[in-house]
Amino acid sequence: MFTASFADAFALAWFLASWGIYTYVADSNSSRTPTILKAMRIHRHEWMARVVARDQRIMDCYLLSTLTNTNTFFASTTILILGGLIALLGTTEKIMMIVAELPFAKYASEAVWEVKILLLIVIFVYVFFKFSWSIRQFTFVSILIGSAPEQNKDSEEACANFIKRAAHILSLAGNNFNAGLRGYYFGLAALAWFIHPWLLVTASIGVVLVLYRQEFRSSTLKILVGK
């Protein structure tokens, strides 16, 4: 029979709320606060504007290939992680014994432990879908570049239409990659639940602060927006 303490239930709710609320705030277009995602949208638009002005687009294809390979690496790594987590479901008792020897570790029933592992599985399944969809979107951009109009031969309307569509899909691909990376961050925070539920709460706060610092207050952002 599944039973969970108040601390476990609260920690899980806090974890999910932290992830959901931060994602909504960071990805929202309504805020005027500059973010990494907003800054990169501008640069992606400029990139596609340069594409129509170039006769040779080998470098553009190379850059897209690099971005795709990065996603492929993370997607492949995620599959390996999922395989390990699924294997853990059959060794729950051994894991409980090992973690029980750690200082400050809180006792939890075997059912709660299985929920903890299932949470990680769900997180990395989500991460895999984000990375794999990002790979496909980068592939779509490659095809668009292959059929891109030329500034000196095609109409301004055709060029503007290409720039808008290609930059938009490129931004969607980047956003999905970013969402996958966030999943890794929160997946690491979820590991804290194996030790103590309140440690999960602390780790969730820590991850949100780290992500906020990177996406809203980093030196990289200041450079991207020209400050």
C-alpha atoms as a PDB file:
ATOM      1  CA  MET A   1       0.000   0.000   0.000  1.00  0.00           C
ATOM      2  CA  PHE A   2       1.388   3.411  -0.994  1.00  0.00           C
ATOM      3  CA  THR A   3       1.895   5.820   1.888  1.00  0.00           C
ATOM      4  CA  ALA A   4       3.919   9.013   1.817  1.00  0.00           C
ATOM      5  CA  SER A   5       4.781  11.456   4.562  1.00  0.00           C
ATOM      6  CA  PHE A   6       3.752  15.096   4.471  1.00  0.00           C
ATOM      7  CA  ALA A   7       7.391  16.046   3.875  1.00  0.00           C
ATOM      8  CA  ASP A   8       7.629  13.803   0.795  1.00  0.00           C
ATOM      9  CA  ALA A   9       4.354  15.074  -0.657  1.00  0.00           C
ATOM     10  CA  PHE A  10       5.258  18.703   0.001  1.00  0.00           C
ATOM     11  CA  ALA A  11       8.755  18.285  -1.457  1.00  0.00           C
ATOM     12  CA  LEU A  12       7.416  16.713  -4.641  1.00  0.00           C
ATOM     13  CA  ALA A  13       4.785  19.439  -5.048  1.00  0.00           C
ATOM     14  CA  TRP A  14       7.406  22.141  -4.410  1.00  0.00           C
ATOM     15  CA  PHE A  15       9.756  20.559  -6.960  1.00  0.00           C
ATOM     16  CA  LEU A  16       7.110  20.389  -9.691  1.00  0.00           C
ATOM     17  CA  ALA A  17       5.840  23.902  -8.933  1.00  0.00           C
ATOM     18  CA  SER A  18       9.379  25.332  -8.995  1.00  0.00           C
ATOM     19  CA  TRP A  19      10.065  23.809 -12.388  1.00  0.00           C
ATOM     20  CA  GLY A  20       6.721  24.798 -13.868  1.00  0.00           C
ATOM     21  CA  ILE A  21       6.653  28.362 -12.575  1.00  0.00           C
ATOM     22  CA  TYR A  22      10.262  29.073 -13.496  1.00  0.00           C
ATOM     23  CA  THR A  23       9.731  27.698 -17.013  1.00  0.00           C
ATOM     24  CA  TYR A  24       6.631  29.858 -17.475  1.00  0.00           C
ATOM     25  CA  VAL A  25       8.383  33.015 -16.255  1.00  0.00           C
ATOM     26  CA  ALA A  26      11.626  32.401 -18.175  1.00  0.00           C
ATOM     27  CA  ASP A  27       9.890  31.566 -21.456  1.00  0.00           C
ATOM     28  CA  SER A  28       7.203  34.245 -21.247  1.00  0.00           C
ATOM     29  CA  ASN A  29       7.230  36.853 -24.003  1.00  0.00           C
ATOM     30  CA  SER A  30       5.182  39.335 -21.973  1.00  0.00           C
ATOM     31  CA  SER A  31       8.041  40.420 -19.733  1.00  0.00           C
ATOM     32  CA  ARG A  32      10.302  43.246 -20.898  1.00  0.00           C
ATOM     33  CA  THR A  33      13.206  41.843 -18.897  1.00  0.00           C
ATOM     34  CA  PRO A  34      15.972  40.653 -21.260  1.00  0.00           C
ATOM     35  CA  THR A  35      16.777  36.948 -21.128  1.00  0.00           C
ATOM     36  CA  ILE A  36      19.151  34.588 -22.903  1.00  0.00           C
ATOM     37  CA  LEU A  37      16.284  33.197 -24.997  1.00  0.00           C
ATOM     38  CA  LYS A  38      15.100  36.640 -26.127  1.00  0.00           C
ATOM     39  CA  ALA A  39      18.617  37.770 -26.948  1.00  0.00           C
ATOM     40  CA  MET A  40      19.286  34.644 -28.984  1.00  0.00           C
ATOM     41  CA  ARG A  41      16.072  35.128 -30.987  1.00  0.00           C
ATOM     42  CA  ILE A  42      17.478  38.434 -32.257  1.00  0.00           C
ATOM     43  CA  HIS A  43      20.813  36.879 -33.196  1.00  0.00           C
ATOM     44  CA  ARG A  44      19.123  33.940 -34.923  1.00  0.00           C
ATOM     45  CA  HIS A  45      17.076  36.381 -36.988  1.00  0.00           C
ATOM     46  CA  GLU A  46      20.271  38.218 -37.954  1.00  0.00           C
ATOM     47  CA  TRP A  47      21.896  34.890 -38.840  1.00  0.00           C
ATOM     48  CA  MET A  48      19.118  33.977 -41.266  1.00  0.00           C
ATOM     49  CA  ALA A  49      19.261  37.501 -42.727  1.00  0.00           C
ATOM     50  CA  ARG A  50      22.947  36.898 -43.509  1.00  0.00           C
ATOM     51  CA  VAL A  51      22.099  33.565 -45.141  1.00  0.00           C
ATOM     52  CA  VAL A  52      20.129  35.170 -47.989  1.00  0.00           C
ATOM     53  CA  ALA A  53      23.019  37.563 -48.612  1.00  0.00           C
ATOM     54  CA  ARG A  54      25.598  34.775 -48.992  1.00  0.00           C
ATOM     55  CA  ASP A  55      26.286  32.799 -52.129  1.00  0.00           C
ATOM     56  CA  GLN A  56      28.133  30.047 -50.251  1.00  0.00           C
ATOM     57  CA  ARG A  57      26.299  28.596 -47.234  1.00  0.00           C
ATOM     58  CA  ILE A  58      28.739  25.883 -46.251  1.00  0.00           C
ATOM     59  CA  MET A  59      29.519  27.553 -42.916  1.00  0.00           C
ATOM     60  CA  ASP A  60      25.811  27.815 -42.076  1.00  0.00           C
ATOM     61  CA  CYS A  61      25.348  24.111 -42.739  1.00  0.00           C
ATOM     62  CA  TYR A  62      28.410  23.342 -40.612  1.00  0.00           C
ATOM     63  CA  LEU A  63      27.040  25.382 -37.707  1.00  0.00           C
ATOM     64  CA  LEU A  64      23.684  23.603 -37.920  1.00  0.00           C
ATOM     65  CA  SER A  65      25.483  20.247 -38.018  1.00  0.00           C
ATOM     66  CA  THR A  66      27.362  21.188 -34.828  1.00  0.00           C
ATOM     67  CA  LEU A  67      24.122  22.164 -33.086  1.00  0.00           C
ATOM     68  CA  THR A  68      22.485  18.913 -34.204  1.00  0.00           C
ATOM     69  CA  ASN A  69      25.435  16.844 -32.979  1.00  0.00           C
ATOM     70  CA  THR A  70      25.223  18.504 -29.560  1.00  0.00           C
ATOM     71  CA  ASN A  71      21.559  17.533 -29.297  1.00  0.00           C
ATOM     72  CA  THR A  72      22.356  14.019 -30.488  1.00  0.00           C
ATOM     73  CA  PHE A  73      24.973  13.628 -27.764  1.00  0.00           C
ATOM     74  CA  PHE A  74      22.535  14.643 -25.040  1.00  0.00           C
ATOM     75  CA  ALA A  75      19.751  12.484 -26.490  1.00  0.00           C
ATOM     76  CA  SER A  76      22.059   9.447 -26.570  1.00  0.00           C
ATOM     77  CA  THR A  77      23.245  10.128 -23.033  1.00  0.00           C
ATOM     78  CA  THR A  78      19.632  10.416 -21.880  1.00  0.00           C
ATOM     79  CA  ILE A  79      18.852   6.962 -23.305  1.00  0.00           C
ATOM     80  CA  LEU A  80      21.725   5.510 -21.267  1.00  0.00           C
ATOM     81  CA  ILE A  81      20.458   7.247 -18.133  1.00  0.00           C
ATOM     82  CA  LEU A  82      16.958   5.878 -18.723  1.00  0.00           C
ATOM     83  CA  GLY A  83      18.357   2.371 -19.096  1.00  0.00           C
ATOM     84  CA  GLY A  84      20.130   2.709 -15.754  1.00  0.00           C
ATOM     85  CA  LEU A  85      17.045   4.080 -14.010  1.00  0.00           C
ATOM     86  CA  ILE A  86      14.833   1.270 -15.323  1.00  0.00           C
ATOM     87  CA  ALA A  87      17.397  -1.231 -14.056  1.00  0.00           C
ATOM     88  CA  LEU A  88      17.224   0.442 -10.618  1.00  0.00           C
ATOM     89  CA  LEU A  89      13.550  -0.472 -10.285  1.00  0.00           C
ATOM     90  CA  GLY A  90      14.576  -4.084  -9.775  1.00  0.00           C
ATOM     91  CA  THR A  91      17.104  -3.279  -7.057  1.00  0.00           C
ATOM     92  CA  THR A  92      15.092  -0.905  -4.872  1.00  0.00           C
ATOM     93  CA  GLU A  93      15.856  -2.748  -1.621  1.00  0.00           C
ATOM     94  CA  LYS A  94      19.616  -2.599  -2.187  1.00  0.00           C
ATOM     95  CA  ILE A  95      19.480   1.116  -2.916  1.00  0.00           C
ATOM     96  CA  MET A  96      17.450   1.699   0.241  1.00  0.00           C
ATOM     97  CA  MET A  97      20.081  -0.107   2.292  1.00  0.00           C
ATOM     98  CA  ILE A  98      22.922   1.917   0.766  1.00  0.00           C
ATOM     99  CA  VAL A  99      21.219   5.307   1.169  1.00  0.00           C
ATOM    100  CA  ALA A 100      20.092   4.440   4.717  1.00  0.00           C
ATOM    101  CA  GLU A 101      23.765   4.499   5.755  1.00  0.00           C
ATOM    102  CA  LEU A 102      24.168   8.101   4.598  1.00  0.00           C
ATOM    103  CA  PRO A 103      23.983  10.816   7.272  1.00  0.00           C
ATOM    104  CA  PHE A 104      20.641  12.640   7.542  1.00  0.00           C
ATOM    105  CA  ALA A 105      18.971  10.130   5.210  1.00  0.00           C
ATOM    106  CA  LYS A 106      15.232   9.828   5.920  1.00  0.00           C
ATOM    107  CA  TYR A 107      13.481   6.460   5.919  1.00  0.00           C
ATOM    108  CA  ALA A 108      10.848   5.930   3.242  1.00  0.00           C
ATOM    109  CA  SER A 109       8.804   2.938   2.217  1.00  0.00           C
ATOM    110  CA  GLU A 110       9.707   0.867  -0.828  1.00  0.00           C
ATOM    111  CA  ALA A 111       6.713   2.293  -2.697  1.00  0.00           C
ATOM    112  CA  VAL A 112       7.950   5.856  -2.111  1.00  0.00           C
ATOM    113  CA  TRP A 113      11.385   4.846  -3.357  1.00  0.00           C
ATOM    114  CA  GLU A 114       9.848   3.505  -6.526  1.00  0.00           C
ATOM    115  CA  VAL A 115       8.025   6.811  -6.989  1.00  0.00           C
ATOM    116  CA  LYS A 116      11.355   8.618  -6.667  1.00  0.00           C
ATOM    117  CA  ILE A 117      12.891   6.474  -9.402  1.00  0.00           C
ATOM    118  CA  LEU A 118       9.786   6.845 -11.570  1.00  0.00           C
ATOM    119  CA  LEU A 119      10.040  10.623 -11.171  1.00  0.00           C
ATOM    120  CA  LEU A 120      13.559  10.544 -12.599  1.00  0.00           C
ATOM    121  CA  ILE A 121      12.397   8.273 -15.423  1.00  0.00           C
ATOM    122  CA  VAL A 122       9.593  10.688 -16.310  1.00  0.00           C
ATOM    123  CA  ILE A 123      12.019  13.634 -16.205  1.00  0.00           C
ATOM    124  CA  PHE A 124      14.502  12.022 -18.567  1.00  0.00           C
ATOM    125  CA  VAL A 125      11.801  10.745 -20.916  1.00  0.00           C
ATOM    126  CA  TYR A 126      10.662  14.370 -21.159  1.00  0.00           C
ATOM    127  CA  VAL A 127      14.271  15.454 -21.703  1.00  0.00           C
ATOM    128  CA  PHE A 128      14.759  12.883 -24.468  1.00  0.00           C
ATOM    129  CA  PHE A 129      11.689  14.096 -26.339  1.00  0.00           C
ATOM    130  CA  LYS A 130      12.885  17.702 -26.072  1.00  0.00           C
ATOM    131  CA  PHE A 131      16.342  16.904 -27.461  1.00  0.00           C
ATOM    132  CA  SER A 132      15.037  14.621 -30.214  1.00  0.00           C
ATOM    133  CA  TRP A 133      12.471  17.225 -31.329  1.00  0.00           C
ATOM    134  CA  SER A 134      15.201  19.854 -31.317  1.00  0.00           C
ATOM    135  CA  ILE A 135      17.279  17.611 -33.605  1.00  0.00           C
ATOM    136  CA  ARG A 136      14.395  17.383 -36.080  1.00  0.00           C
ATOM    137  CA  GLN A 137      13.837  21.144 -35.989  1.00  0.00           C
ATOM    138  CA  PHE A 138      17.507  21.854 -36.736  1.00  0.00           C
ATOM    139  CA  THR A 139      17.169  19.425 -39.657  1.00  0.00           C
ATOM    140  CA  PHE A 140      14.168  21.402 -40.909  1.00  0.00           C
ATOM    141  CA  VAL A 141      16.234  24.594 -40.795  1.00  0.00           C
ATOM    142  CA  SER A 142      18.947  22.869 -42.850  1.00  0.00           C
ATOM    143  CA  ILE A 143      16.362  22.077 -45.507  1.00  0.00           C
ATOM    144  CA  LEU A 144      15.085  25.655 -45.448  1.00  0.00           C
ATOM    145  CA  ILE A 145      18.614  26.972 -45.929  1.00  0.00           C
ATOM    146  CA  GLY A 146      19.027  24.599 -48.864  1.00  0.00           C
ATOM    147  CA  SER A 147      16.013  26.226 -50.510  1.00  0.00           C
ATOM    148  CA  ALA A 148      16.751  29.755 -49.306  1.00  0.00           C
ATOM    149  CA  PRO A 149      16.253  32.615 -51.773  1.00  0.00           C
ATOM    150  CA  GLU A 150      19.148  34.813 -52.861  1.00  0.00           C
ATOM    151  CA  GLN A 151      19.042  38.491 -52.029  1.00  0.00           C
ATOM    152  CA  ASN A 152      20.198  39.603 -55.479  1.00  0.00           C
ATOM    153  CA  LYS A 153      17.959  37.248 -57.469  1.00  0.00           C
ATOM    154  CA  ASP A 154      14.702  36.882 -55.540  1.00  0.00           C
ATOM    155  CA  SER A 155      12.146  39.386 -54.315  1.00  0.00           C
ATOM    156  CA  GLU A 156      12.401  41.151 -50.973  1.00  0.00           C
ATOM    157  CA  GLU A 157       9.148  39.520 -49.934  1.00  0.00           C
ATOM    158  CA  ALA A 158      10.548  36.026 -50.553  1.00  0.00           C
ATOM    159  CA  CYS A 159      13.699  36.828 -48.592  1.00  0.00           C
ATOM    160  CA  ALA A 160      11.760  38.352 -45.689  1.00  0.00           C
ATOM    161  CA  ASN A 161       9.418  35.369 -45.589  1.00  0.00           C
ATOM    162  CA  PHE A 162      12.366  32.946 -45.479  1.00  0.00           C
ATOM    163  CA  ILE A 163      14.129  34.900 -42.740  1.00  0.00           C
ATOM    164  CA  LYS A 164      10.993  34.963 -40.602  1.00  0.00           C
ATOM    165  CA  ARG A 165      10.205  31.249 -40.971  1.00  0.00           C
ATOM    166  CA  ALA A 166      13.773  29.983 -40.658  1.00  0.00           C
ATOM    167  CA  ALA A 167      14.569  32.156 -37.629  1.00  0.00           C
ATOM    168  CA  HIS A 168      11.338  31.094 -35.937  1.00  0.00           C
ATOM    169  CA  ILE A 169      12.015  27.362 -36.372  1.00  0.00           C
ATOM    170  CA  LEU A 170      15.634  27.908 -35.327  1.00  0.00           C
ATOM    171  CA  SER A 171      14.420  29.605 -32.145  1.00  0.00           C
ATOM    172  CA  LEU A 172      11.996  26.748 -31.452  1.00  0.00           C
ATOM    173  CA  ALA A 173      14.861  24.277 -31.828  1.00  0.00           C
ATOM    174  CA  GLY A 174      17.000  26.325 -29.447  1.00  0.00           C
ATOM    175  CA  ASN A 175      14.153  26.584 -26.940  1.00  0.00           C
ATOM    176  CA  ASN A 176      13.673  22.816 -26.952  1.00  0.00           C
ATOM    177  CA  PHE A 177      17.393  22.310 -26.428  1.00  0.00           C
ATOM    178  CA  ASN A 178      17.269  24.768 -23.542  1.00  0.00           C
ATOM    179  CA  ALA A 179      14.273  22.922 -22.056  1.00  0.00           C
ATOM    180  CA  GLY A 180      16.215  19.669 -22.257  1.00  0.00           C
ATOM    181  CA  LEU A 181      19.144  21.199 -20.394  1.00  0.00           C
ATOM    182  CA  ARG A 182      16.778  22.529 -17.732  1.00  0.00           C
ATOM    183  CA  GLY A 183      15.485  18.989 -17.367  1.00  0.00           C
ATOM    184  CA  TYR A 184      19.016  17.846 -16.560  1.00  0.00           C
ATOM    185  CA  TYR A 185      19.339  20.570 -13.928  1.00  0.00           C
ATOM    186  CA  PHE A 186      16.074  19.601 -12.255  1.00  0.00           C
ATOM    187  CA  GLY A 187      16.894  15.916 -12.668  1.00  0.00           C
ATOM    188  CA  LEU A 188      20.006  16.503 -10.574  1.00  0.00           C
ATOM    189  CA  ALA A 189      17.869  18.292  -7.990  1.00  0.00           C
ATOM    190  CA  ALA A 190      15.500  15.296  -7.897  1.00  0.00           C
ATOM    191  CA  LEU A 191      18.402  13.104  -6.787  1.00  0.00           C
ATOM    192  CA  ALA A 192      18.346  14.970  -3.470  1.00  0.00           C
ATOM    193  CA  TRP A 193      14.960  13.387  -2.704  1.00  0.00           C
ATOM    194  CA  PHE A 194      16.682  10.017  -2.254  1.00  0.00           C
ATOM    195  CA  ILE A 195      18.410  11.419   0.812  1.00  0.00           C
ATOM    196  CA  HIS A 196      15.761  13.666   2.376  1.00  0.00           C
ATOM    197  CA  PRO A 197      12.594  15.446   1.154  1.00  0.00           C
ATOM    198  CA  TRP A 198      13.660  18.788   2.591  1.00  0.00           C
ATOM    199  CA  LEU A 199      16.922  18.449   0.713  1.00  0.00           C
ATOM    200  CA  LEU A 200      14.825  18.219  -2.470  1.00  0.00           C
ATOM    201  CA  VAL A 201      13.169  21.517  -1.541  1.00  0.00           C
ATOM    202  CA  THR A 202      16.585  23.107  -1.010  1.00  0.00           C
ATOM    203  CA  ALA A 203      17.974  21.656  -4.231  1.00  0.00           C
ATOM    204  CA  SER A 204      14.956  22.933  -6.191  1.00  0.00           C
ATOM    205  CA  ILE A 205      15.544  26.447  -4.875  1.00  0.00           C
ATOM    206  CA  GLY A 206      19.235  26.149  -5.707  1.00  0.00           C
ATOM    207  CA  VAL A 207      18.546  25.063  -9.292  1.00  0.00           C
ATOM    208  CA  VAL A 208      16.076  27.920  -9.823  1.00  0.00           C
ATOM    209  CA  LEU A 209      18.638  30.415  -8.515  1.00  0.00           C
ATOM    210  CA  VAL A 210      21.374  29.002 -10.754  1.00  0.00           C
ATOM    211  CA  LEU A 211      19.128  29.080 -13.821  1.00  0.00           C
ATOM    212  CA  TYR A 212      17.913  32.582 -12.995  1.00  0.00           C
ATOM    213  CA  ARG A 213      21.486  33.775 -12.629  1.00  0.00           C
ATOM    214  CA  GLN A 214      22.440  32.255 -15.988  1.00  0.00           C
ATOM    215  CA  GLU A 215      19.411  33.349 -17.999  1.00  0.00           C
ATOM    216  CA  PHE A 216      18.626  36.736 -16.425  1.00  0.00           C
ATOM    217  CA  ARG A 217      21.780  38.103 -14.776  1.00  0.00           C
ATOM    218  CA  SER A 218      24.814  36.509 -16.418  1.00  0.00           C
ATOM    219  CA  SER A 219      27.732  38.289 -18.077  1.00  0.00           C
ATOM    220  CA  THR A 220      26.950  36.304 -21.226  1.00  0.00           C
ATOM    221  CA  LEU A 221      23.511  37.918 -21.417  1.00  0.00           C
ATOM    222  CA  LYS A 222      25.006  41.387 -21.034  1.00  0.00           C
ATOM    223  CA  ILE A 223      27.355  40.712 -23.935  1.00  0.00           C
ATOM    224  CA  LEU A 224      24.551  39.335 -26.105  1.00  0.00           C
ATOM    225  CA  VAL A 225      22.369  42.408 -25.594  1.00  0.00           C
ATOM    226  CA  GLY A 226      25.341  44.731 -26.090  1.00  0.00           C
ATOM    227  CA  LYS A 227      25.739  46.075 -22.575  1.00  0.00           C
END
